[in-house]
Amino acid sequence: MLVLTGAEIEALLDLDALIDALAAAMADLSAGRASVPQRIAALAPDGLLGAMPGYVPSSGVLMSKLVTLFPGNVGLPTHQAVIVAFDPATGAPAALLDGTSVTALRTGAGSALSARLLARPEAETLAILGTGVQARSHARAVSRVRPIRRIRIASRDPARAAALSAELSATLPVEPAESYQDALADADIVCATTHATEPVVRREWLRSGVHVTSVGYNPEGRELDDATVAEGLVCVESRSAVLAPFPAGSNDLLEPIRDGIIGVDHIHAELGELVLGMRPGRTAPEQITVYKSVGVAVQDAAATALVLGAARARGVGREIAL
């Protein structure tokens, strides 16, 4: 079994290749070619342990991710994970990967894919809400698909926004914003990466034509207000996943559906349907587009395939016998 650390994965995984691989994986999912059951979870007093198995033909990967969510962590990521890949021909365990780094990278790349499919081509101002690992991932990934000239980072704690801006400013055009509202005011693309209990994206703070991505997951809250969801052209990874009950679905859509603000048919498309040309994307420059992500195993499988291919080609990692 090949074992790969987070640092090795970050060095091996090419963002541009990952965004392209995610497009193929999402197409597999929407076409019904992938086998991806709903996420399940075991609950602990302070968090949960989720399991996300999947097989993706375009990646040739059979894998499962075990991921924990412990919102109260201090000094540790709130999300931590491992990925086990299996030989799809024999079922033999083939590799063990740090899933925390894979999750961060593939989630940012998924939002970048949504921006490539839905954001206006000239979009140049990016707002990042949050200062965790996903904030870093999104700043780097979304900058690959649009001509980003300005990135504004906002947090509940302005000092954290300033610190992350200083960290990223060596390679990206980053500056801190005073508030979420301030960051959103002139944004062409918004990436919400928080653990919010109350919406951090509000329709009255958004300009027309903006593309909003939301990846935050909090079973007790949401990132998007009702008006943003109701007025937006809403796209998801998987209708069945985003509408599933805890621990798979999203309050950002389930609550407005429950309250009668939108119907299930308000979900315009899956990303894979956009990739395959089954559904149209943006139809007008002033349209607001929304990508709500809950994370699906095909994304982890696509990233795992790229990592393992690069690791074996370069002789990276350690082989162990179980």
Protein backbone atom coordinates (compact mmCIF):
# COMPACT_ATOMS: atom_id res chain seq x y z
CA MET A 1 0.00 0.00 0.00
CA LEU A 2 1.32 3.42 -0.99
CA VAL A 3 1.15 6.03 1.78
CA LEU A 4 1.16 9.76 0.96
CA THR A 5 1.29 12.71 3.35
CA GLY A 6 -0.51 16.02 3.02
CA ALA A 7 2.67 17.86 2.04
CA GLU A 8 3.38 15.31 -0.67
CA ILE A 9 -0.17 15.58 -2.01
CA GLU A 10 -0.01 19.37 -2.17
CA ALA A 11 3.24 19.14 -4.14
CA LEU A 12 1.89 16.49 -6.52
CA LEU A 13 -1.58 17.83 -7.31
CA ASP A 14 -1.75 20.25 -10.23
CA LEU A 15 -4.71 22.63 -9.85
CA ASP A 16 -5.40 23.07 -13.55
CA ALA A 17 -5.39 19.30 -14.10
CA LEU A 18 -7.63 18.85 -11.06
CA ILE A 19 -10.25 21.31 -12.33
CA ASP A 20 -10.35 19.44 -15.65
CA ALA A 21 -10.55 16.07 -13.88
CA LEU A 22 -13.44 17.31 -11.74
CA ALA A 23 -15.33 18.27 -14.89
CA ALA A 24 -15.06 14.69 -16.14
CA ALA A 25 -16.01 13.27 -12.73
CA MET A 26 -19.05 15.53 -12.42
CA ALA A 27 -20.13 14.47 -15.92
CA ASP A 28 -19.84 10.83 -14.83
CA LEU A 29 -22.02 11.58 -11.82
CA SER A 30 -24.76 13.39 -13.75
CA ALA A 31 -24.76 10.75 -16.51
CA GLY A 32 -25.28 7.98 -13.96
CA ARG A 33 -21.97 6.30 -14.66
CA ALA A 34 -20.48 6.78 -11.17
CA SER A 35 -21.44 4.74 -8.12
CA VAL A 36 -21.67 7.16 -5.20
CA PRO A 37 -24.01 6.37 -2.28
CA GLN A 38 -25.05 9.11 0.12
CA ARG A 39 -22.70 10.15 2.91
CA ILE A 40 -23.37 8.53 6.28
CA ALA A 41 -22.08 9.59 9.69
CA ALA A 42 -21.52 8.38 13.22
CA LEU A 43 -22.13 11.07 15.82
CA ALA A 44 -19.74 11.76 18.70
CA PRO A 45 -20.36 14.21 21.56
CA ASP A 46 -18.33 16.99 19.90
CA GLY A 47 -18.47 16.10 16.22
CA LEU A 48 -19.08 13.42 13.62
CA LEU A 49 -17.29 10.82 11.51
CA GLY A 50 -18.58 10.58 7.94
CA ALA A 51 -17.98 7.94 5.29
CA MET A 52 -17.96 8.74 1.55
CA PRO A 53 -17.33 5.75 -0.76
CA GLY A 54 -17.32 5.95 -4.53
CA TYR A 55 -16.31 4.48 -7.86
CA VAL A 56 -15.69 6.82 -10.80
CA PRO A 57 -15.06 5.36 -14.29
CA SER A 58 -13.35 8.45 -15.73
CA SER A 59 -10.80 8.29 -12.90
CA GLY A 60 -10.59 4.52 -12.66
CA VAL A 61 -10.67 4.86 -8.87
CA LEU A 62 -12.50 2.87 -6.20
CA MET A 63 -12.12 4.66 -2.88
CA SER A 64 -13.63 5.77 0.36
CA LYS A 65 -13.01 8.86 2.44
CA LEU A 66 -13.42 8.93 6.19
CA VAL A 67 -13.88 12.54 7.30
CA THR A 68 -14.46 14.10 10.70
CA LEU A 69 -16.14 17.40 11.50
CA PHE A 70 -15.31 18.81 14.93
CA PRO A 71 -16.37 22.49 14.85
CA GLY A 72 -14.84 23.30 18.25
CA ASN A 73 -11.29 22.38 17.31
CA VAL A 74 -8.62 24.89 18.26
CA GLY A 75 -5.18 24.38 16.75
CA LEU A 76 -6.51 21.60 14.50
CA PRO A 77 -8.61 21.75 11.32
CA THR A 78 -12.33 21.39 11.90
CA HIS A 79 -12.38 18.88 9.01
CA GLN A 80 -9.84 16.03 9.00
CA ALA A 81 -9.81 12.98 6.76
CA VAL A 82 -8.08 9.95 5.32
CA ILE A 83 -8.70 8.36 1.92
CA VAL A 84 -8.22 4.68 1.15
CA ALA A 85 -7.97 3.70 -2.52
CA PHE A 86 -8.60 0.12 -3.65
CA ASP A 87 -7.67 -1.80 -6.79
CA PRO A 88 -10.93 -1.64 -8.81
CA ALA A 89 -10.19 -5.06 -10.34
CA THR A 90 -9.45 -7.02 -7.17
CA GLY A 91 -10.61 -4.87 -4.26
CA ALA A 92 -7.16 -4.97 -2.67
CA PRO A 93 -6.21 -1.86 -0.64
CA ALA A 94 -3.81 0.13 -2.82
CA ALA A 95 -3.11 3.48 -1.17
CA LEU A 96 -3.65 5.57 1.95
CA LEU A 97 -3.76 9.34 1.50
CA ASP A 98 -4.08 12.33 3.79
CA GLY A 99 -7.66 13.28 3.04
CA THR A 100 -7.54 16.67 4.74
CA SER A 101 -5.36 18.13 2.00
CA VAL A 102 -7.33 16.37 -0.75
CA THR A 103 -10.60 17.77 0.63
CA ALA A 104 -9.26 21.32 0.74
CA LEU A 105 -7.84 21.18 -2.77
CA ARG A 106 -10.73 19.45 -4.49
CA THR A 107 -13.33 21.69 -2.84
CA GLY A 108 -11.59 24.83 -4.06
CA ALA A 109 -11.19 23.27 -7.49
CA GLY A 110 -14.90 22.41 -7.54
CA SER A 111 -15.79 26.04 -6.91
CA ALA A 112 -13.31 27.05 -9.62
CA LEU A 113 -15.07 24.68 -12.04
CA SER A 114 -18.39 26.31 -11.16
CA ALA A 115 -16.85 29.73 -11.83
CA ARG A 116 -15.49 28.52 -15.17
CA LEU A 117 -18.99 27.35 -16.11
CA LEU A 118 -21.07 30.18 -14.63
CA ALA A 119 -19.10 33.34 -13.79
CA ARG A 120 -18.91 36.19 -16.28
CA PRO A 121 -15.75 35.85 -18.42
CA GLU A 122 -14.49 39.29 -17.39
CA ALA A 123 -14.94 38.70 -13.64
CA GLU A 124 -11.94 40.25 -11.87
CA THR A 125 -12.86 40.91 -8.23
CA LEU A 126 -13.09 37.94 -5.86
CA ALA A 127 -14.48 38.02 -2.31
CA ILE A 128 -13.44 35.26 0.09
CA LEU A 129 -15.55 34.91 3.25
CA GLY A 130 -13.68 32.99 5.94
CA THR A 131 -10.02 32.50 6.80
CA GLY A 132 -9.58 28.72 7.10
CA VAL A 133 -8.01 26.17 4.78
CA GLN A 134 -10.86 26.53 2.29
CA ALA A 135 -10.29 30.28 2.05
CA ARG A 136 -6.71 29.61 0.95
CA SER A 137 -7.78 26.88 -1.46
CA HIS A 138 -10.45 29.03 -3.08
CA ALA A 139 -8.23 32.07 -3.50
CA ARG A 140 -5.71 29.98 -5.40
CA ALA A 141 -8.13 27.86 -7.43
CA VAL A 142 -10.63 30.48 -8.60
CA SER A 143 -7.74 32.68 -9.74
CA ARG A 144 -6.92 29.95 -12.28
CA VAL A 145 -10.18 30.28 -14.22
CA ARG A 146 -10.92 34.01 -14.32
CA PRO A 147 -8.71 37.14 -14.72
CA ILE A 148 -8.76 37.98 -11.01
CA ARG A 149 -7.10 41.31 -10.27
CA ARG A 150 -8.33 41.84 -6.72
CA ILE A 151 -9.13 39.47 -3.85
CA ARG A 152 -10.84 40.77 -0.73
CA ILE A 153 -10.88 38.56 2.39
CA ALA A 154 -13.42 39.04 5.17
CA SER A 155 -13.87 37.35 8.53
CA ARG A 156 -15.84 37.80 11.75
CA ASP A 157 -12.40 38.65 13.17
CA PRO A 158 -10.76 41.44 11.10
CA ALA A 159 -7.35 40.50 12.51
CA ARG A 160 -7.64 37.03 10.95
CA ALA A 161 -8.58 38.56 7.60
CA ALA A 162 -5.55 40.85 7.79
CA ALA A 163 -3.24 37.96 8.70
CA LEU A 164 -4.42 35.73 5.85
CA SER A 165 -4.21 38.64 3.40
CA ALA A 166 -0.61 39.23 4.42
CA GLU A 167 0.16 35.52 4.05
CA LEU A 168 -1.27 35.26 0.52
CA SER A 169 -0.17 38.66 -0.78
CA ALA A 170 3.22 37.37 -1.92
CA THR A 171 1.57 35.48 -4.79
CA LEU A 172 -1.99 36.86 -5.07
CA PRO A 173 -3.53 40.39 -5.21
CA VAL A 174 -5.09 40.12 -1.75
CA GLU A 175 -6.34 42.72 0.72
CA PRO A 176 -8.50 42.52 3.87
CA ALA A 177 -12.05 43.82 3.99
CA GLU A 178 -13.65 45.37 7.06
CA SER A 179 -16.77 43.20 6.93
CA TYR A 180 -18.61 40.63 4.87
CA GLN A 181 -20.77 43.38 3.43
CA ASP A 182 -17.71 45.42 2.49
CA ALA A 183 -16.12 42.44 0.72
CA LEU A 184 -19.28 41.64 -1.25
CA ALA A 185 -20.07 45.18 -2.40
CA ASP A 186 -18.06 45.09 -5.64
CA ALA A 187 -17.36 41.36 -5.99
CA ASP A 188 -17.78 39.58 -9.31
CA ILE A 189 -17.27 36.19 -7.65
CA VAL A 190 -18.01 35.33 -4.01
CA CYS A 191 -16.64 32.28 -2.20
CA ALA A 192 -18.29 31.59 1.16
CA THR A 193 -16.10 29.20 3.18
CA THR A 194 -17.44 29.69 6.71
CA HIS A 195 -19.05 27.70 9.51
CA ALA A 196 -21.76 30.34 9.86
CA THR A 197 -24.96 29.91 11.82
CA GLU A 198 -26.52 32.99 10.15
CA PRO A 199 -26.20 33.92 6.46
CA VAL A 200 -22.99 35.72 5.53
CA VAL A 201 -24.19 36.28 1.94
CA ARG A 202 -27.22 38.54 1.67
CA ARG A 203 -28.90 39.59 -1.55
CA GLU A 204 -28.86 43.30 -0.74
CA TRP A 205 -25.05 43.16 -0.45
CA LEU A 206 -24.56 41.65 -3.92
CA ARG A 207 -24.12 43.36 -7.25
CA SER A 208 -25.92 42.10 -10.35
CA GLY A 209 -24.11 39.47 -12.39
CA VAL A 210 -22.21 38.02 -9.43
CA HIS A 211 -21.37 34.31 -9.16
CA VAL A 212 -21.69 32.99 -5.61
CA THR A 213 -20.13 29.77 -4.36
CA SER A 214 -20.96 28.34 -0.94
CA VAL A 215 -19.06 25.40 0.54
CA GLY A 216 -19.62 25.96 4.25
CA TYR A 217 -21.32 23.17 6.17
CA ASN A 218 -22.98 23.68 9.52
CA PRO A 219 -25.93 21.48 10.51
CA GLU A 220 -27.08 24.32 12.77
CA GLY A 221 -26.85 27.15 10.23
CA ARG A 222 -26.40 28.35 6.66
CA GLU A 223 -24.33 30.76 4.55
CA LEU A 224 -26.90 32.08 2.02
CA ASP A 225 -30.02 34.07 2.74
CA ASP A 226 -33.38 33.22 1.20
CA ALA A 227 -33.34 36.07 -1.31
CA THR A 228 -29.96 35.05 -2.77
CA VAL A 229 -31.20 31.49 -3.23
CA ALA A 230 -34.59 32.56 -4.59
CA GLU A 231 -33.19 35.03 -7.13
CA GLY A 232 -30.15 32.97 -8.11
CA LEU A 233 -29.68 30.45 -10.89
CA VAL A 234 -28.84 27.59 -8.53
CA CYS A 235 -26.47 24.79 -9.47
CA VAL A 236 -25.22 21.88 -7.35
CA GLU A 237 -22.98 18.83 -7.57
CA SER A 238 -25.87 16.41 -7.11
CA ARG A 239 -29.57 17.07 -6.58
CA SER A 240 -29.97 13.92 -4.50
CA ALA A 241 -26.98 14.80 -2.29
CA VAL A 242 -27.89 18.43 -1.63
CA LEU A 243 -31.52 17.54 -0.85
CA ALA A 244 -30.72 14.55 1.37
CA PRO A 245 -31.23 14.77 5.13
CA PHE A 246 -28.33 15.27 7.55
CA PRO A 247 -25.44 14.53 7.21
CA ALA A 248 -25.48 14.87 3.42
CA GLY A 249 -27.73 17.77 2.49
CA SER A 250 -27.61 21.56 2.77
CA ASN A 251 -29.73 23.85 4.94
CA ASP A 252 -29.10 26.59 2.37
CA LEU A 253 -31.58 24.82 0.07
CA LEU A 254 -33.54 22.55 2.41
CA GLU A 255 -34.78 25.42 4.60
CA PRO A 256 -36.16 27.64 1.80
CA ILE A 257 -37.79 24.54 0.27
CA ARG A 258 -39.33 23.67 3.65
CA ASP A 259 -40.60 27.24 4.05
CA GLY A 260 -42.16 27.32 0.57
CA ILE A 261 -39.83 30.04 -0.72
CA ILE A 262 -38.56 27.81 -3.55
CA GLY A 263 -39.49 24.41 -4.90
CA VAL A 264 -37.24 21.45 -5.60
CA ASP A 265 -37.34 22.39 -9.28
CA HIS A 266 -35.60 25.70 -8.46
CA ILE A 267 -32.31 23.79 -8.65
CA HIS A 268 -31.39 24.60 -12.23
CA ALA A 269 -28.60 22.13 -12.92
CA GLU A 270 -25.87 19.85 -11.66
CA LEU A 271 -22.35 20.84 -12.66
CA GLY A 272 -22.11 17.64 -14.69
CA GLU A 273 -25.19 18.65 -16.68
CA LEU A 274 -23.51 21.94 -17.53
CA VAL A 275 -20.33 20.11 -18.56
CA LEU A 276 -22.32 17.72 -20.77
CA GLY A 277 -24.40 20.52 -22.30
CA MET A 278 -27.61 19.01 -20.91
CA ARG A 279 -28.56 22.32 -19.28
CA PRO A 280 -27.59 25.93 -20.12
CA GLY A 281 -25.46 28.04 -17.82
CA ARG A 282 -25.65 31.81 -17.41
CA THR A 283 -28.12 33.34 -19.86
CA ALA A 284 -27.67 37.07 -19.10
CA PRO A 285 -24.80 39.23 -17.82
CA GLU A 286 -26.89 40.61 -14.93
CA GLN A 287 -28.03 37.17 -13.75
CA ILE A 288 -26.93 36.02 -10.29
CA THR A 289 -25.60 32.47 -10.30
CA VAL A 290 -25.19 30.30 -7.21
CA TYR A 291 -23.20 27.10 -6.71
CA LYS A 292 -24.05 25.28 -3.47
CA SER A 293 -21.57 22.52 -2.67
CA VAL A 294 -21.97 19.72 -0.15
CA GLY A 295 -19.01 17.66 -1.38
CA VAL A 296 -19.37 14.36 -3.21
CA ALA A 297 -17.03 11.38 -3.42
CA VAL A 298 -16.46 11.68 -7.18
CA GLN A 299 -14.42 14.80 -6.44
CA ASP A 300 -12.20 12.92 -4.00
CA ALA A 301 -11.83 10.08 -6.50
CA ALA A 302 -10.74 12.43 -9.29
CA ALA A 303 -8.15 14.06 -7.02
CA THR A 304 -6.95 10.67 -5.78
CA ALA A 305 -6.39 9.45 -9.33
CA LEU A 306 -4.24 12.46 -10.17
CA VAL A 307 -2.23 12.18 -6.96
CA LEU A 308 -1.54 8.46 -7.36
CA GLY A 309 -0.56 8.84 -11.00
CA ALA A 310 1.90 11.63 -10.18
CA ALA A 311 3.26 9.84 -7.12
CA ARG A 312 4.02 6.65 -9.02
CA ALA A 313 5.53 8.56 -11.93
CA ARG A 314 7.86 10.49 -9.61
CA GLY A 315 8.54 7.77 -7.05
CA VAL A 316 6.97 9.72 -4.18
CA GLY A 317 5.53 8.06 -1.06
CA ARG A 318 6.23 4.93 0.96
CA GLU A 319 5.10 1.39 0.25
CA ILE A 320 3.98 -0.55 3.32
CA ALA A 321 2.60 -4.04 3.81
CA LEU A 322 -0.49 -4.41 5.96
